[in-house]
C-alpha atoms as a PDB file:
ATOM      1  CA  MET A   1     -16.839  66.405 -69.922  1.00  0.00           C
ATOM      2  CA  ALA A   2     -15.731  67.258 -66.433  1.00  0.00           C
ATOM      3  CA  THR A   3     -12.095  66.966 -65.512  1.00  0.00           C
ATOM      4  CA  ASP A   4     -10.885  65.540 -62.268  1.00  0.00           C
ATOM      5  CA  SER A   5      -9.527  68.589 -60.436  1.00  0.00           C
ATOM      6  CA  THR A   6      -7.687  66.477 -57.863  1.00  0.00           C
ATOM      7  CA  GLN A   7      -5.256  65.191 -60.482  1.00  0.00           C
ATOM      8  CA  THR A   8      -4.167  68.650 -61.580  1.00  0.00           C
ATOM      9  CA  TYR A   9      -3.030  69.680 -58.117  1.00  0.00           C
ATOM     10  CA  VAL A  10      -1.021  66.580 -57.161  1.00  0.00           C
ATOM     11  CA  THR A  11       2.327  67.395 -55.575  1.00  0.00           C
ATOM     12  CA  ASP A  12       5.614  65.789 -56.538  1.00  0.00           C
ATOM     13  CA  ARG A  13       5.661  63.906 -53.245  1.00  0.00           C
ATOM     14  CA  LYS A  14       2.220  62.478 -53.953  1.00  0.00           C
ATOM     15  CA  ARG A  15       3.320  61.350 -57.433  1.00  0.00           C
ATOM     16  CA  ALA A  16       6.364  59.585 -55.943  1.00  0.00           C
ATOM     17  CA  THR A  17       4.341  57.710 -53.314  1.00  0.00           C
ATOM     18  CA  GLY A  18       4.448  54.018 -54.032  1.00  0.00           C
ATOM     19  CA  LEU A  19       7.481  54.244 -56.330  1.00  0.00           C
ATOM     20  CA  GLY A  20       9.927  52.936 -53.752  1.00  0.00           C
ATOM     21  CA  SER A  21      11.161  53.555 -50.274  1.00  0.00           C
ATOM     22  CA  GLY A  22      13.506  56.344 -49.327  1.00  0.00           C
ATOM     23  CA  ARG A  23      14.346  55.011 -45.878  1.00  0.00           C
ATOM     24  CA  ALA A  24      17.890  53.680 -46.305  1.00  0.00           C
ATOM     25  CA  GLY A  25      19.263  55.580 -49.280  1.00  0.00           C
ATOM     26  CA  THR A  26      20.828  58.372 -47.266  1.00  0.00           C
ATOM     27  CA  GLN A  27      22.486  55.977 -44.822  1.00  0.00           C
ATOM     28  CA  HIS A  28      23.948  53.915 -47.664  1.00  0.00           C
ATOM     29  CA  HIS A  29      25.128  57.068 -49.412  1.00  0.00           C
ATOM     30  CA  TRP A  30      26.954  58.286 -46.302  1.00  0.00           C
ATOM     31  CA  GLN A  31      28.494  54.858 -45.677  1.00  0.00           C
ATOM     32  CA  MET A  32      29.846  54.809 -49.208  1.00  0.00           C
ATOM     33  CA  MET A  33      31.089  58.423 -48.945  1.00  0.00           C
ATOM     34  CA  VAL A  34      33.013  57.654 -45.743  1.00  0.00           C
ATOM     35  CA  SER A  35      34.315  54.413 -47.211  1.00  0.00           C
ATOM     36  CA  SER A  36      35.432  56.220 -50.368  1.00  0.00           C
ATOM     37  CA  MET A  37      37.236  58.875 -48.333  1.00  0.00           C
ATOM     38  CA  LEU A  38      39.010  56.147 -46.360  1.00  0.00           C
ATOM     39  CA  LEU A  39      39.971  54.458 -49.624  1.00  0.00           C
ATOM     40  CA  GLY A  40      41.409  57.756 -50.804  1.00  0.00           C
ATOM     41  CA  ILE A  41      43.746  57.668 -47.803  1.00  0.00           C
ATOM     42  CA  VAL A  42      44.623  53.980 -47.450  1.00  0.00           C
ATOM     43  CA  ILE A  43      45.182  53.155 -51.138  1.00  0.00           C
ATOM     44  CA  PRO A  44      48.060  55.646 -51.604  1.00  0.00           C
ATOM     45  CA  ALA A  45      49.504  54.570 -48.235  1.00  0.00           C
ATOM     46  CA  PHE A  46      49.266  50.930 -49.325  1.00  0.00           C
ATOM     47  CA  LEU A  47      50.874  51.656 -52.697  1.00  0.00           C
ATOM     48  CA  ILE A  48      53.760  53.493 -51.017  1.00  0.00           C
ATOM     49  CA  THR A  49      54.404  50.685 -48.521  1.00  0.00           C
ATOM     50  CA  PHE A  50      54.030  48.070 -51.247  1.00  0.00           C
ATOM     51  CA  ALA A  51      56.568  49.899 -53.418  1.00  0.00           C
ATOM     52  CA  LEU A  52      58.982  50.132 -50.487  1.00  0.00           C
ATOM     53  CA  GLY A  53      58.734  46.389 -49.849  1.00  0.00           C
ATOM     54  CA  LEU A  54      59.049  45.408 -53.503  1.00  0.00           C
ATOM     55  CA  GLY A  55      62.142  43.875 -55.057  1.00  0.00           C
ATOM     56  CA  GLY A  56      63.421  41.636 -52.307  1.00  0.00           C
ATOM     57  CA  THR A  57      63.166  37.963 -51.578  1.00  0.00           C
ATOM     58  CA  TYR A  58      60.237  36.293 -49.844  1.00  0.00           C
ATOM     59  CA  ASP A  59      62.026  36.560 -46.503  1.00  0.00           C
ATOM     60  CA  ASP A  60      62.665  40.275 -47.088  1.00  0.00           C
ATOM     61  CA  ALA A  61      58.958  40.844 -47.812  1.00  0.00           C
ATOM     62  CA  VAL A  62      57.894  38.920 -44.691  1.00  0.00           C
ATOM     63  CA  ALA A  63      60.389  40.918 -42.616  1.00  0.00           C
ATOM     64  CA  PHE A  64      59.166  44.203 -44.118  1.00  0.00           C
ATOM     65  CA  TYR A  65      55.499  43.441 -43.404  1.00  0.00           C
ATOM     66  CA  GLY A  66      56.519  42.200 -39.975  1.00  0.00           C
ATOM     67  CA  LYS A  67      57.135  45.837 -39.026  1.00  0.00           C
ATOM     68  CA  PRO A  68      54.173  47.558 -37.335  1.00  0.00           C
ATOM     69  CA  ILE A  69      53.472  50.425 -39.767  1.00  0.00           C
ATOM     70  CA  PRO A  70      53.437  48.393 -43.024  1.00  0.00           C
ATOM     71  CA  ALA A  71      51.431  45.635 -41.319  1.00  0.00           C
ATOM     72  CA  ILE A  72      48.818  48.087 -40.016  1.00  0.00           C
ATOM     73  CA  ILE A  73      48.536  49.821 -43.396  1.00  0.00           C
ATOM     74  CA  LEU A  74      48.167  46.470 -45.185  1.00  0.00           C
ATOM     75  CA  ALA A  75      45.510  45.165 -42.763  1.00  0.00           C
ATOM     76  CA  LEU A  76      43.587  48.448 -42.730  1.00  0.00           C
ATOM     77  CA  SER A  77      43.645  48.616 -46.531  1.00  0.00           C
ATOM     78  CA  TRP A  78      42.363  45.066 -46.787  1.00  0.00           C
ATOM     79  CA  VAL A  79      39.492  45.654 -44.354  1.00  0.00           C
ATOM     80  CA  VAL A  80      38.408  48.956 -45.955  1.00  0.00           C
ATOM     81  CA  ILE A  81      38.545  47.538 -49.494  1.00  0.00           C
ATOM     82  CA  VAL A  82      36.578  44.389 -48.633  1.00  0.00           C
ATOM     83  CA  ARG A  83      34.017  46.372 -46.603  1.00  0.00           C
ATOM     84  CA  HIS A  84      33.508  48.820 -49.481  1.00  0.00           C
ATOM     85  CA  MET A  85      33.043  45.975 -51.964  1.00  0.00           C
ATOM     86  CA  MET A  86      30.643  44.214 -49.577  1.00  0.00           C
ATOM     87  CA  ASN A  87      28.446  47.329 -49.297  1.00  0.00           C
ATOM     88  CA  GLU A  88      28.335  47.689 -53.076  1.00  0.00           C
ATOM     89  CA  ALA A  89      27.502  44.003 -53.542  1.00  0.00           C
ATOM     90  CA  LEU A  90      24.741  44.174 -50.930  1.00  0.00           C
ATOM     91  CA  GLU A  91      23.218  47.186 -52.669  1.00  0.00           C
ATOM     92  CA  ALA A  92      23.245  45.382 -56.025  1.00  0.00           C
ATOM     93  CA  ILE A  93      21.700  42.280 -54.452  1.00  0.00           C
ATOM     94  CA  GLU A  94      19.009  44.406 -52.798  1.00  0.00           C
ATOM     95  CA  ASP A  95      18.179  45.994 -56.148  1.00  0.00           C
ATOM     96  CA  TYR A  96      18.130  42.885 -58.320  1.00  0.00           C
ATOM     97  CA  VAL A  97      17.466  39.780 -56.185  1.00  0.00           C
ATOM     98  CA  HIS A  98      14.168  39.646 -54.316  1.00  0.00           C
ATOM     99  CA  GLY A  99      12.442  37.432 -51.791  1.00  0.00           C
ATOM    100  CA  VAL A 100      14.077  34.590 -49.906  1.00  0.00           C
ATOM    101  CA  ALA A 101      16.807  34.246 -52.525  1.00  0.00           C
ATOM    102  CA  GLY A 102      17.761  37.892 -51.965  1.00  0.00           C
ATOM    103  CA  LYS A 103      17.942  37.489 -48.201  1.00  0.00           C
ATOM    104  CA  LEU A 104      20.012  34.305 -48.462  1.00  0.00           C
ATOM    105  CA  THR A 105      22.353  35.935 -50.983  1.00  0.00           C
ATOM    106  CA  GLN A 106      22.815  38.929 -48.678  1.00  0.00           C
ATOM    107  CA  VAL A 107      23.632  36.645 -45.739  1.00  0.00           C
ATOM    108  CA  ALA A 108      26.092  34.637 -47.843  1.00  0.00           C
ATOM    109  CA  THR A 109      27.754  37.790 -49.187  1.00  0.00           C
ATOM    110  CA  THR A 110      28.108  39.276 -45.706  1.00  0.00           C
ATOM    111  CA  ALA A 111      29.504  36.031 -44.280  1.00  0.00           C
ATOM    112  CA  PHE A 112      31.945  35.682 -47.168  1.00  0.00           C
ATOM    113  CA  SER A 113      33.113  39.288 -46.825  1.00  0.00           C
ATOM    114  CA  TYR A 114      33.746  39.043 -43.094  1.00  0.00           C
ATOM    115  CA  THR A 115      35.552  35.739 -43.656  1.00  0.00           C
ATOM    116  CA  LEU A 116      37.798  37.453 -46.227  1.00  0.00           C
ATOM    117  CA  MET A 117      38.505  40.253 -43.744  1.00  0.00           C
ATOM    118  CA  ALA A 118      39.369  37.796 -40.980  1.00  0.00           C
ATOM    119  CA  VAL A 119      41.641  35.719 -43.214  1.00  0.00           C
ATOM    120  CA  GLY A 120      43.451  38.836 -44.466  1.00  0.00           C
ATOM    121  CA  VAL A 121      43.978  40.270 -40.993  1.00  0.00           C
ATOM    122  CA  PHE A 122      45.095  36.843 -39.729  1.00  0.00           C
ATOM    123  CA  ALA A 123      47.642  36.563 -42.574  1.00  0.00           C
ATOM    124  CA  VAL A 124      49.069  40.000 -41.759  1.00  0.00           C
ATOM    125  CA  ALA A 125      49.153  39.213 -38.046  1.00  0.00           C
ATOM    126  CA  ARG A 126      50.897  35.935 -38.806  1.00  0.00           C
ATOM    127  CA  MET A 127      53.623  37.790 -40.715  1.00  0.00           C
ATOM    128  CA  ALA A 128      53.937  40.412 -37.992  1.00  0.00           C
ATOM    129  CA  ILE A 129      54.363  37.894 -35.153  1.00  0.00           C
END
C-alpha cells in the first residue's frame, strides 16, 4: 500500500485552514486589554469618590456629585464599564448566535449599550448642572 506523502508534510498553518478566521481576534484582544487597564484605573477612583460621598442625605449626595471631579469620575466609570460589558456581550453573541438572529442581536445589544451610556451620562450631567 502506498502512503500519501502530501499528508505527512502538512504544516500547522495548513492544518488550521478552514477552522475559523483569525481576522478580528487581535483587535478584540487589544480592545479588551485597553478597556481592562482603564477599568483598573476608574474602578478604584470610583470607589474612593463613592466612599467620600457616602453617609449623607440625598441632597448631600446630589451636591457631592454636582462637583466636577466626582461627576467626571462617575460618568467615565459608567461609560468604561458599559463599553467593556458591551464588547464582551458582542463577542459571546458572535460565538454562539449565527445568521440573521446573530446580526439582529448584535444591533440590539449595541443600541441598548449606547442607550445605557447616554442615560448614565445624562443623569450625571443633570446632577452636575
